[in-house]
């Protein structure tokens, strides 16, 4: 079964309305003043420049990769004629086929996030959040891929510095933490979690305009293609009609928005999602 390639931008042709923000197609390594003397940054740089070598060996008789080592995360939706996330069977950590795999890229059922954001996304002035937001101009099926939440990859210390800077300037926080539990490698923390920190404030893609909702229509998932550092993929939790604003929960699943705050002296940001289960404030945590 051949996947309809027209459902996605192979090359991302979206752009920012704000000329002060550089548009990036995928995650980029941040620059920081102490990079040469920072061990964490050097480890992050090494991982950023590394390549995953677990390519599949699917031949012509198995070129859809239904049973290969990367399978089980996506299914072909006959109605929309596109790959969608299998929300019941998908793994917590998704690995897609990549350029090292022997399968046919145009027939493989394990390549989705790498193809870029879907068409029909539009930046708006959100009436719900009184900020920029993102809507779809076309129906999105349940499990449909929206876009990557792409930006600068930060070290823990750089994230702290930017958080403090944002708070002092009363600026909007875009920093997200992707925490993958029980992954044992040399980059794991003492809690046994691999953390990836993304900030699209100054360098990011269209995903930076996704707002928070306590009852979201989208969800974030960890997706690796050819780099050890995962992408934050945004998928539809349910069918989403044209004109509906796209939102995900900032502290759901593997995702966390963390702010080093003292609640006794710092005002929390009020949540404007209007959902029946709204908690009243945007999610926070401790770095």
C-alpha atoms as a PDB file:
ATOM      1  CA  UNK A   1       0.000   0.000   0.000  1.00  0.00           C
ATOM      2  CA  UNK A   2       1.524   3.296  -1.110  1.00  0.00           C
ATOM      3  CA  UNK A   3       1.253   6.267   1.221  1.00  0.00           C
ATOM      4  CA  UNK A   4      -0.192   9.523  -0.141  1.00  0.00           C
ATOM      5  CA  UNK A   5       2.802  11.842   0.037  1.00  0.00           C
ATOM      6  CA  UNK A   6       0.727  14.967  -0.722  1.00  0.00           C
ATOM      7  CA  UNK A   7      -0.651  15.028   2.836  1.00  0.00           C
ATOM      8  CA  UNK A   8       2.633  16.428   4.118  1.00  0.00           C
ATOM      9  CA  UNK A   9       5.247  19.047   3.263  1.00  0.00           C
ATOM     10  CA  UNK A  10       8.426  17.173   2.438  1.00  0.00           C
ATOM     11  CA  UNK A  11      10.081  20.573   2.790  1.00  0.00           C
ATOM     12  CA  UNK A  12       8.462  22.735   5.473  1.00  0.00           C
ATOM     13  CA  UNK A  13       7.092  25.851   3.747  1.00  0.00           C
ATOM     14  CA  UNK A  14       5.553  27.471   6.828  1.00  0.00           C
ATOM     15  CA  UNK A  15       6.970  30.726   8.175  1.00  0.00           C
ATOM     16  CA  UNK A  16       6.731  33.061  11.162  1.00  0.00           C
ATOM     17  CA  UNK A  17       4.762  36.292  11.164  1.00  0.00           C
ATOM     18  CA  UNK A  18       7.310  37.570  13.691  1.00  0.00           C
ATOM     19  CA  UNK A  19      10.504  38.496  11.840  1.00  0.00           C
ATOM     20  CA  UNK A  20      12.468  38.422  15.111  1.00  0.00           C
ATOM     21  CA  UNK A  21      12.144  34.619  15.174  1.00  0.00           C
ATOM     22  CA  UNK A  22      14.313  32.437  12.926  1.00  0.00           C
ATOM     23  CA  UNK A  23      12.401  29.597  11.311  1.00  0.00           C
ATOM     24  CA  UNK A  24      14.130  26.218  11.663  1.00  0.00           C
ATOM     25  CA  UNK A  25      12.993  22.982  10.043  1.00  0.00           C
ATOM     26  CA  UNK A  26      14.055  20.786  12.968  1.00  0.00           C
ATOM     27  CA  UNK A  27      15.875  20.962  16.299  1.00  0.00           C
ATOM     28  CA  UNK A  28      19.196  22.819  16.338  1.00  0.00           C
ATOM     29  CA  UNK A  29      21.917  22.843  18.974  1.00  0.00           C
ATOM     30  CA  UNK A  30      21.914  26.034  21.038  1.00  0.00           C
ATOM     31  CA  UNK A  31      24.928  28.268  21.469  1.00  0.00           C
ATOM     32  CA  UNK A  32      26.003  29.391  24.929  1.00  0.00           C
ATOM     33  CA  UNK A  33      28.919  31.375  26.320  1.00  0.00           C
ATOM     34  CA  UNK A  34      30.459  28.602  28.429  1.00  0.00           C
ATOM     35  CA  UNK A  35      30.101  25.843  25.814  1.00  0.00           C
ATOM     36  CA  UNK A  36      33.827  25.017  25.652  1.00  0.00           C
ATOM     37  CA  UNK A  37      34.058  24.476  29.415  1.00  0.00           C
ATOM     38  CA  UNK A  38      30.661  22.881  29.965  1.00  0.00           C
ATOM     39  CA  UNK A  39      30.752  19.068  30.151  1.00  0.00           C
ATOM     40  CA  UNK A  40      26.980  18.802  29.757  1.00  0.00           C
ATOM     41  CA  UNK A  41      27.120  20.883  26.571  1.00  0.00           C
ATOM     42  CA  UNK A  42      29.931  18.761  25.142  1.00  0.00           C
ATOM     43  CA  UNK A  43      27.924  15.603  25.829  1.00  0.00           C
ATOM     44  CA  UNK A  44      24.884  17.192  24.217  1.00  0.00           C
ATOM     45  CA  UNK A  45      26.966  18.200  21.192  1.00  0.00           C
ATOM     46  CA  UNK A  46      28.363  14.661  20.876  1.00  0.00           C
ATOM     47  CA  UNK A  47      24.854  13.207  20.956  1.00  0.00           C
ATOM     48  CA  UNK A  48      23.568  15.827  18.479  1.00  0.00           C
ATOM     49  CA  UNK A  49      26.304  14.889  16.001  1.00  0.00           C
ATOM     50  CA  UNK A  50      25.798  11.129  16.450  1.00  0.00           C
ATOM     51  CA  UNK A  51      23.751   8.855  14.197  1.00  0.00           C
ATOM     52  CA  UNK A  52      21.519   5.917  15.070  1.00  0.00           C
ATOM     53  CA  UNK A  53      22.636   2.795  13.222  1.00  0.00           C
ATOM     54  CA  UNK A  54      19.669   0.506  13.811  1.00  0.00           C
ATOM     55  CA  UNK A  55      18.489   0.454  10.193  1.00  0.00           C
ATOM     56  CA  UNK A  56      16.069  -2.237   9.019  1.00  0.00           C
ATOM     57  CA  UNK A  57      16.804  -4.810   6.316  1.00  0.00           C
ATOM     58  CA  UNK A  58      13.319  -4.983   4.809  1.00  0.00           C
ATOM     59  CA  UNK A  59      13.532  -6.132   1.187  1.00  0.00           C
ATOM     60  CA  UNK A  60      11.105  -5.848  -1.734  1.00  0.00           C
ATOM     61  CA  UNK A  61       8.785  -8.440  -0.215  1.00  0.00           C
ATOM     62  CA  UNK A  62       8.551  -6.518   3.060  1.00  0.00           C
ATOM     63  CA  UNK A  63       8.969  -2.946   1.854  1.00  0.00           C
ATOM     64  CA  UNK A  64       6.052  -1.622   3.930  1.00  0.00           C
ATOM     65  CA  UNK A  65       8.020  -2.574   7.085  1.00  0.00           C
ATOM     66  CA  UNK A  66       4.938  -3.965   8.820  1.00  0.00           C
ATOM     67  CA  UNK A  67       6.993  -6.419  10.867  1.00  0.00           C
ATOM     68  CA  UNK A  68      10.375  -4.684  11.105  1.00  0.00           C
ATOM     69  CA  UNK A  69      12.071  -3.462  14.272  1.00  0.00           C
ATOM     70  CA  UNK A  70      10.519   0.008  13.886  1.00  0.00           C
ATOM     71  CA  UNK A  71       6.948  -1.168  13.330  1.00  0.00           C
ATOM     72  CA  UNK A  72       3.831  -0.998  15.491  1.00  0.00           C
ATOM     73  CA  UNK A  73       3.502   2.762  15.924  1.00  0.00           C
ATOM     74  CA  UNK A  74       1.618   3.889  12.820  1.00  0.00           C
ATOM     75  CA  UNK A  75      -1.269   2.525  10.768  1.00  0.00           C
ATOM     76  CA  UNK A  76      -2.620   3.525   7.362  1.00  0.00           C
ATOM     77  CA  UNK A  77      -5.981   5.287   7.670  1.00  0.00           C
ATOM     78  CA  UNK A  78      -8.081   4.383   4.630  1.00  0.00           C
ATOM     79  CA  UNK A  79     -10.462   7.335   4.945  1.00  0.00           C
ATOM     80  CA  UNK A  80      -7.831  10.087   5.104  1.00  0.00           C
ATOM     81  CA  UNK A  81      -5.273   8.089   3.084  1.00  0.00           C
ATOM     82  CA  UNK A  82      -2.440   8.908   5.443  1.00  0.00           C
ATOM     83  CA  UNK A  83      -0.360   7.338   8.168  1.00  0.00           C
ATOM     84  CA  UNK A  84      -1.661   8.022  11.668  1.00  0.00           C
ATOM     85  CA  UNK A  85      -0.441   7.211  15.154  1.00  0.00           C
ATOM     86  CA  UNK A  86      -1.846   3.958  16.511  1.00  0.00           C
ATOM     87  CA  UNK A  87      -2.663   5.352  19.955  1.00  0.00           C
ATOM     88  CA  UNK A  88      -3.508   1.926  21.398  1.00  0.00           C
ATOM     89  CA  UNK A  89      -0.503  -0.057  20.152  1.00  0.00           C
ATOM     90  CA  UNK A  90       2.241   2.545  19.732  1.00  0.00           C
ATOM     91  CA  UNK A  91       5.321   2.361  21.915  1.00  0.00           C
ATOM     92  CA  UNK A  92       6.110   5.091  24.447  1.00  0.00           C
ATOM     93  CA  UNK A  93       9.369   5.787  22.589  1.00  0.00           C
ATOM     94  CA  UNK A  94       8.953   5.785  18.809  1.00  0.00           C
ATOM     95  CA  UNK A  95      11.778   4.949  16.388  1.00  0.00           C
ATOM     96  CA  UNK A  96      11.168   5.619  12.690  1.00  0.00           C
ATOM     97  CA  UNK A  97      12.940   4.088   9.725  1.00  0.00           C
ATOM     98  CA  UNK A  98      15.690   6.338   8.367  1.00  0.00           C
ATOM     99  CA  UNK A  99      18.164   6.701   5.520  1.00  0.00           C
ATOM    100  CA  UNK A 100      20.139   3.687   6.739  1.00  0.00           C
ATOM    101  CA  UNK A 101      17.146   1.386   6.283  1.00  0.00           C
ATOM    102  CA  UNK A 102      16.814  -0.726   3.135  1.00  0.00           C
ATOM    103  CA  UNK A 103      13.063  -0.197   2.759  1.00  0.00           C
ATOM    104  CA  UNK A 104      11.366   1.929   0.088  1.00  0.00           C
ATOM    105  CA  UNK A 105      10.732   5.395   1.648  1.00  0.00           C
ATOM    106  CA  UNK A 106       7.592   5.840  -0.475  1.00  0.00           C
ATOM    107  CA  UNK A 107       6.000   2.614   0.782  1.00  0.00           C
ATOM    108  CA  UNK A 108       7.388   2.378   4.305  1.00  0.00           C
ATOM    109  CA  UNK A 109       4.780   2.636   7.063  1.00  0.00           C
ATOM    110  CA  UNK A 110       7.327   3.754   9.655  1.00  0.00           C
ATOM    111  CA  UNK A 111       8.158   7.215   8.307  1.00  0.00           C
ATOM    112  CA  UNK A 112       5.909  10.054   9.404  1.00  0.00           C
ATOM    113  CA  UNK A 113       7.383  12.771  11.630  1.00  0.00           C
ATOM    114  CA  UNK A 114      10.458  13.026   9.395  1.00  0.00           C
ATOM    115  CA  UNK A 115       8.268  14.172   6.486  1.00  0.00           C
ATOM    116  CA  UNK A 116       7.542  17.500   8.145  1.00  0.00           C
ATOM    117  CA  UNK A 117       4.374  19.299   9.270  1.00  0.00           C
ATOM    118  CA  UNK A 118       1.047  18.741   7.558  1.00  0.00           C
ATOM    119  CA  UNK A 119      -0.520  21.225   5.179  1.00  0.00           C
ATOM    120  CA  UNK A 120      -3.387  23.409   6.265  1.00  0.00           C
ATOM    121  CA  UNK A 121      -1.864  24.829   9.456  1.00  0.00           C
ATOM    122  CA  UNK A 122      -2.477  28.540  10.029  1.00  0.00           C
ATOM    123  CA  UNK A 123      -1.130  30.973  12.621  1.00  0.00           C
ATOM    124  CA  UNK A 124      -3.901  33.074  14.178  1.00  0.00           C
ATOM    125  CA  UNK A 125      -4.565  35.555  16.944  1.00  0.00           C
ATOM    126  CA  UNK A 126      -6.051  33.162  19.489  1.00  0.00           C
ATOM    127  CA  UNK A 127      -9.332  34.371  20.975  1.00  0.00           C
ATOM    128  CA  UNK A 128      -8.951  31.731  23.666  1.00  0.00           C
ATOM    129  CA  UNK A 129      -5.460  32.619  24.900  1.00  0.00           C
ATOM    130  CA  UNK A 130      -5.113  36.257  23.768  1.00  0.00           C
ATOM    131  CA  UNK A 131      -1.880  35.346  21.992  1.00  0.00           C
ATOM    132  CA  UNK A 132      -0.765  33.748  18.773  1.00  0.00           C
ATOM    133  CA  UNK A 133      -2.210  30.308  18.176  1.00  0.00           C
ATOM    134  CA  UNK A 134      -2.406  27.573  15.571  1.00  0.00           C
ATOM    135  CA  UNK A 135      -5.468  26.207  13.790  1.00  0.00           C
ATOM    136  CA  UNK A 136      -6.099  23.653  11.084  1.00  0.00           C
ATOM    137  CA  UNK A 137      -7.936  24.627   7.901  1.00  0.00           C
ATOM    138  CA  UNK A 138      -8.626  20.965   7.069  1.00  0.00           C
ATOM    139  CA  UNK A 139     -10.016  17.962   8.931  1.00  0.00           C
ATOM    140  CA  UNK A 140      -7.324  16.041  10.834  1.00  0.00           C
ATOM    141  CA  UNK A 141      -7.999  12.365  11.644  1.00  0.00           C
ATOM    142  CA  UNK A 142      -7.384  10.904  15.085  1.00  0.00           C
ATOM    143  CA  UNK A 143      -3.690  10.084  15.360  1.00  0.00           C
ATOM    144  CA  UNK A 144      -2.808  12.442  12.510  1.00  0.00           C
ATOM    145  CA  UNK A 145       0.637  14.039  12.739  1.00  0.00           C
ATOM    146  CA  UNK A 146       0.462  17.815  13.208  1.00  0.00           C
ATOM    147  CA  UNK A 147       4.042  19.034  13.395  1.00  0.00           C
ATOM    148  CA  UNK A 148       7.218  18.797  15.405  1.00  0.00           C
ATOM    149  CA  UNK A 149       7.765  21.101  18.389  1.00  0.00           C
ATOM    150  CA  UNK A 150      11.182  22.183  17.163  1.00  0.00           C
ATOM    151  CA  UNK A 151      13.642  24.718  18.496  1.00  0.00           C
ATOM    152  CA  UNK A 152      17.001  25.026  20.219  1.00  0.00           C
ATOM    153  CA  UNK A 153      18.252  22.063  22.237  1.00  0.00           C
ATOM    154  CA  UNK A 154      19.400  23.336  25.643  1.00  0.00           C
ATOM    155  CA  UNK A 155      21.523  22.144  28.520  1.00  0.00           C
ATOM    156  CA  UNK A 156      19.979  22.145  31.981  1.00  0.00           C
ATOM    157  CA  UNK A 157      21.994  25.194  33.082  1.00  0.00           C
ATOM    158  CA  UNK A 158      21.121  27.145  29.941  1.00  0.00           C
ATOM    159  CA  UNK A 159      17.439  26.359  30.483  1.00  0.00           C
ATOM    160  CA  UNK A 160      17.735  27.713  34.049  1.00  0.00           C
ATOM    161  CA  UNK A 161      19.396  30.881  32.794  1.00  0.00           C
ATOM    162  CA  UNK A 162      16.704  31.475  30.165  1.00  0.00           C
ATOM    163  CA  UNK A 163      13.906  30.733  32.614  1.00  0.00           C
ATOM    164  CA  UNK A 164      15.277  33.333  35.016  1.00  0.00           C
ATOM    165  CA  UNK A 165      15.683  35.830  32.180  1.00  0.00           C
ATOM    166  CA  UNK A 166      12.109  35.227  30.989  1.00  0.00           C
ATOM    167  CA  UNK A 167      10.687  35.651  34.490  1.00  0.00           C
ATOM    168  CA  UNK A 168      12.577  38.890  35.144  1.00  0.00           C
ATOM    169  CA  UNK A 169      11.379  40.312  31.824  1.00  0.00           C
ATOM    170  CA  UNK A 170       7.838  38.883  32.209  1.00  0.00           C
ATOM    171  CA  UNK A 171       8.360  37.189  28.841  1.00  0.00           C
ATOM    172  CA  UNK A 172       6.471  34.175  27.544  1.00  0.00           C
ATOM    173  CA  UNK A 173       8.065  30.804  28.263  1.00  0.00           C
ATOM    174  CA  UNK A 174       8.357  28.332  25.374  1.00  0.00           C
ATOM    175  CA  UNK A 175      10.778  25.853  26.993  1.00  0.00           C
ATOM    176  CA  UNK A 176       9.557  22.244  27.090  1.00  0.00           C
ATOM    177  CA  UNK A 177      11.146  19.278  28.855  1.00  0.00           C
ATOM    178  CA  UNK A 178      10.787  15.808  27.328  1.00  0.00           C
ATOM    179  CA  UNK A 179      11.434  13.267  30.096  1.00  0.00           C
ATOM    180  CA  UNK A 180      11.900   9.659  28.994  1.00  0.00           C
ATOM    181  CA  UNK A 181      11.809   7.312  31.971  1.00  0.00           C
ATOM    182  CA  UNK A 182      13.975   4.255  32.639  1.00  0.00           C
ATOM    183  CA  UNK A 183      16.459   4.831  29.856  1.00  0.00           C
ATOM    184  CA  UNK A 184      19.911   3.804  31.020  1.00  0.00           C
ATOM    185  CA  UNK A 185      22.717   5.452  29.121  1.00  0.00           C
ATOM    186  CA  UNK A 186      25.529   7.860  29.900  1.00  0.00           C
ATOM    187  CA  UNK A 187      23.235  10.870  29.475  1.00  0.00           C
ATOM    188  CA  UNK A 188      20.644   9.659  32.014  1.00  0.00           C
ATOM    189  CA  UNK A 189      20.082  11.616  35.214  1.00  0.00           C
ATOM    190  CA  UNK A 190      20.241  10.139  38.700  1.00  0.00           C
ATOM    191  CA  UNK A 191      16.490   9.556  38.423  1.00  0.00           C
ATOM    192  CA  UNK A 192      16.977   7.222  35.469  1.00  0.00           C
ATOM    193  CA  UNK A 193      15.348   9.591  32.974  1.00  0.00           C
ATOM    194  CA  UNK A 194      16.707  10.976  29.726  1.00  0.00           C
ATOM    195  CA  UNK A 195      15.705  14.643  29.462  1.00  0.00           C
ATOM    196  CA  UNK A 196      15.618  16.671  26.255  1.00  0.00           C
ATOM    197  CA  UNK A 197      15.025  20.423  26.593  1.00  0.00           C
ATOM    198  CA  UNK A 198      13.640  22.401  23.635  1.00  0.00           C
ATOM    199  CA  UNK A 199      13.234  26.186  23.364  1.00  0.00           C
ATOM    200  CA  UNK A 200      11.641  27.630  20.175  1.00  0.00           C
ATOM    201  CA  UNK A 201      11.469  31.195  21.504  1.00  0.00           C
ATOM    202  CA  UNK A 202      13.989  32.716  19.071  1.00  0.00           C
ATOM    203  CA  UNK A 203      14.611  29.766  16.757  1.00  0.00           C
ATOM    204  CA  UNK A 204      11.711  27.443  16.155  1.00  0.00           C
ATOM    205  CA  UNK A 205       9.140  26.065  13.749  1.00  0.00           C
ATOM    206  CA  UNK A 206       5.360  26.411  13.501  1.00  0.00           C
ATOM    207  CA  UNK A 207       4.942  24.244  16.598  1.00  0.00           C
ATOM    208  CA  UNK A 208       5.878  27.195  18.840  1.00  0.00           C
ATOM    209  CA  UNK A 209       2.362  28.605  18.332  1.00  0.00           C
ATOM    210  CA  UNK A 210       0.590  25.622  19.913  1.00  0.00           C
ATOM    211  CA  UNK A 211      -1.149  26.751  23.095  1.00  0.00           C
ATOM    212  CA  UNK A 212      -1.900  24.813  26.267  1.00  0.00           C
ATOM    213  CA  UNK A 213      -5.258  23.288  27.136  1.00  0.00           C
ATOM    214  CA  UNK A 214      -6.297  21.257  30.163  1.00  0.00           C
ATOM    215  CA  UNK A 215      -8.512  19.286  27.748  1.00  0.00           C
ATOM    216  CA  UNK A 216      -6.302  19.211  24.629  1.00  0.00           C
ATOM    217  CA  UNK A 217      -7.041  17.859  21.165  1.00  0.00           C
ATOM    218  CA  UNK A 218      -3.352  17.053  20.587  1.00  0.00           C
ATOM    219  CA  UNK A 219      -0.641  15.131  22.415  1.00  0.00           C
ATOM    220  CA  UNK A 220       3.167  15.121  22.361  1.00  0.00           C
ATOM    221  CA  UNK A 221       5.224  11.976  21.749  1.00  0.00           C
ATOM    222  CA  UNK A 222       8.932  11.147  21.690  1.00  0.00           C
ATOM    223  CA  UNK A 223      10.125  10.261  18.175  1.00  0.00           C
ATOM    224  CA  UNK A 224      13.628   9.361  16.987  1.00  0.00           C
ATOM    225  CA  UNK A 225      14.637   9.197  13.342  1.00  0.00           C
ATOM    226  CA  UNK A 226      18.411   9.173  12.844  1.00  0.00           C
ATOM    227  CA  UNK A 227      19.685  11.075  15.898  1.00  0.00           C
ATOM    228  CA  UNK A 228      19.883   9.905  19.547  1.00  0.00           C
ATOM    229  CA  UNK A 229      18.183  13.160  20.577  1.00  0.00           C
ATOM    230  CA  UNK A 230      14.415  12.701  20.127  1.00  0.00           C
ATOM    231  CA  UNK A 231      11.981  14.968  18.348  1.00  0.00           C
ATOM    232  CA  UNK A 232       8.795  16.150  20.071  1.00  0.00           C
ATOM    233  CA  UNK A 233       6.060  15.028  17.693  1.00  0.00           C
ATOM    234  CA  UNK A 234       2.566  16.500  18.068  1.00  0.00           C
ATOM    235  CA  UNK A 235      -0.351  14.189  17.133  1.00  0.00           C
ATOM    236  CA  UNK A 236      -4.146  14.534  17.125  1.00  0.00           C
ATOM    237  CA  UNK A 237      -5.777  12.853  20.161  1.00  0.00           C
ATOM    238  CA  UNK A 238      -9.103  12.840  18.313  1.00  0.00           C
ATOM    239  CA  UNK A 239     -10.538  13.989  15.002  1.00  0.00           C
ATOM    240  CA  UNK A 240     -10.117  17.757  14.689  1.00  0.00           C
ATOM    241  CA  UNK A 241     -12.403  19.824  12.476  1.00  0.00           C
ATOM    242  CA  UNK A 242     -11.333  22.718  10.256  1.00  0.00           C
ATOM    243  CA  UNK A 243     -11.048  26.010  12.132  1.00  0.00           C
ATOM    244  CA  UNK A 244     -10.398  24.388  15.510  1.00  0.00           C
ATOM    245  CA  UNK A 245      -7.425  25.645  17.507  1.00  0.00           C
ATOM    246  CA  UNK A 246      -4.717  23.052  18.113  1.00  0.00           C
ATOM    247  CA  UNK A 247      -3.569  22.646  21.723  1.00  0.00           C
ATOM    248  CA  UNK A 248      -1.712  20.138  23.861  1.00  0.00           C
ATOM    249  CA  UNK A 249      -1.243  19.775  27.620  1.00  0.00           C
ATOM    250  CA  UNK A 250       2.107  21.197  28.719  1.00  0.00           C
ATOM    251  CA  UNK A 251       2.482  18.631  31.528  1.00  0.00           C
ATOM    252  CA  UNK A 252       1.031  15.469  30.028  1.00  0.00           C
ATOM    253  CA  UNK A 253       2.813  12.164  29.519  1.00  0.00           C
ATOM    254  CA  UNK A 254       6.515  12.710  28.832  1.00  0.00           C
ATOM    255  CA  UNK A 255       6.226  16.490  28.496  1.00  0.00           C
ATOM    256  CA  UNK A 256       6.840  19.033  31.237  1.00  0.00           C
ATOM    257  CA  UNK A 257       6.984  22.813  31.342  1.00  0.00           C
ATOM    258  CA  UNK A 258       9.272  23.565  34.247  1.00  0.00           C
ATOM    259  CA  UNK A 259       9.783  26.864  35.969  1.00  0.00           C
ATOM    260  CA  UNK A 260      12.114  27.388  38.899  1.00  0.00           C
ATOM    261  CA  UNK A 261       9.729  29.467  40.963  1.00  0.00           C
ATOM    262  CA  UNK A 262       8.909  30.370  44.510  1.00  0.00           C
ATOM    263  CA  UNK A 263       5.123  30.334  44.641  1.00  0.00           C
ATOM    264  CA  UNK A 264       5.151  32.560  47.718  1.00  0.00           C
ATOM    265  CA  UNK A 265       6.557  35.497  45.799  1.00  0.00           C
ATOM    266  CA  UNK A 266       5.830  34.697  42.150  1.00  0.00           C
ATOM    267  CA  UNK A 267       2.470  34.997  40.421  1.00  0.00           C
ATOM    268  CA  UNK A 268       1.543  31.929  38.413  1.00  0.00           C
ATOM    269  CA  UNK A 269       0.239  32.328  34.860  1.00  0.00           C
ATOM    270  CA  UNK A 270      -3.530  32.024  34.651  1.00  0.00           C
ATOM    271  CA  UNK A 271      -4.793  29.351  32.254  1.00  0.00           C
ATOM    272  CA  UNK A 272      -7.330  30.654  29.738  1.00  0.00           C
ATOM    273  CA  UNK A 273      -8.280  27.360  28.052  1.00  0.00           C
ATOM    274  CA  UNK A 274     -11.835  27.424  29.423  1.00  0.00           C
ATOM    275  CA  UNK A 275     -12.065  23.621  29.665  1.00  0.00           C
ATOM    276  CA  UNK A 276     -14.466  22.158  32.268  1.00  0.00           C
ATOM    277  CA  UNK A 277     -11.476  20.485  33.943  1.00  0.00           C
ATOM    278  CA  UNK A 278      -9.244  23.582  33.800  1.00  0.00           C
ATOM    279  CA  UNK A 279      -6.861  23.792  36.759  1.00  0.00           C
ATOM    280  CA  UNK A 280      -6.831  27.575  36.662  1.00  0.00           C
ATOM    281  CA  UNK A 281      -3.092  28.005  36.071  1.00  0.00           C
ATOM    282  CA  UNK A 282      -0.585  26.907  33.482  1.00  0.00           C
ATOM    283  CA  UNK A 283       1.432  23.856  34.597  1.00  0.00           C
ATOM    284  CA  UNK A 284       4.675  24.422  36.499  1.00  0.00           C
ATOM    285  CA  UNK A 285       7.343  22.262  38.040  1.00  0.00           C
ATOM    286  CA  UNK A 286      10.773  22.471  39.649  1.00  0.00           C
ATOM    287  CA  UNK A 287      14.042  22.238  37.791  1.00  0.00           C
END
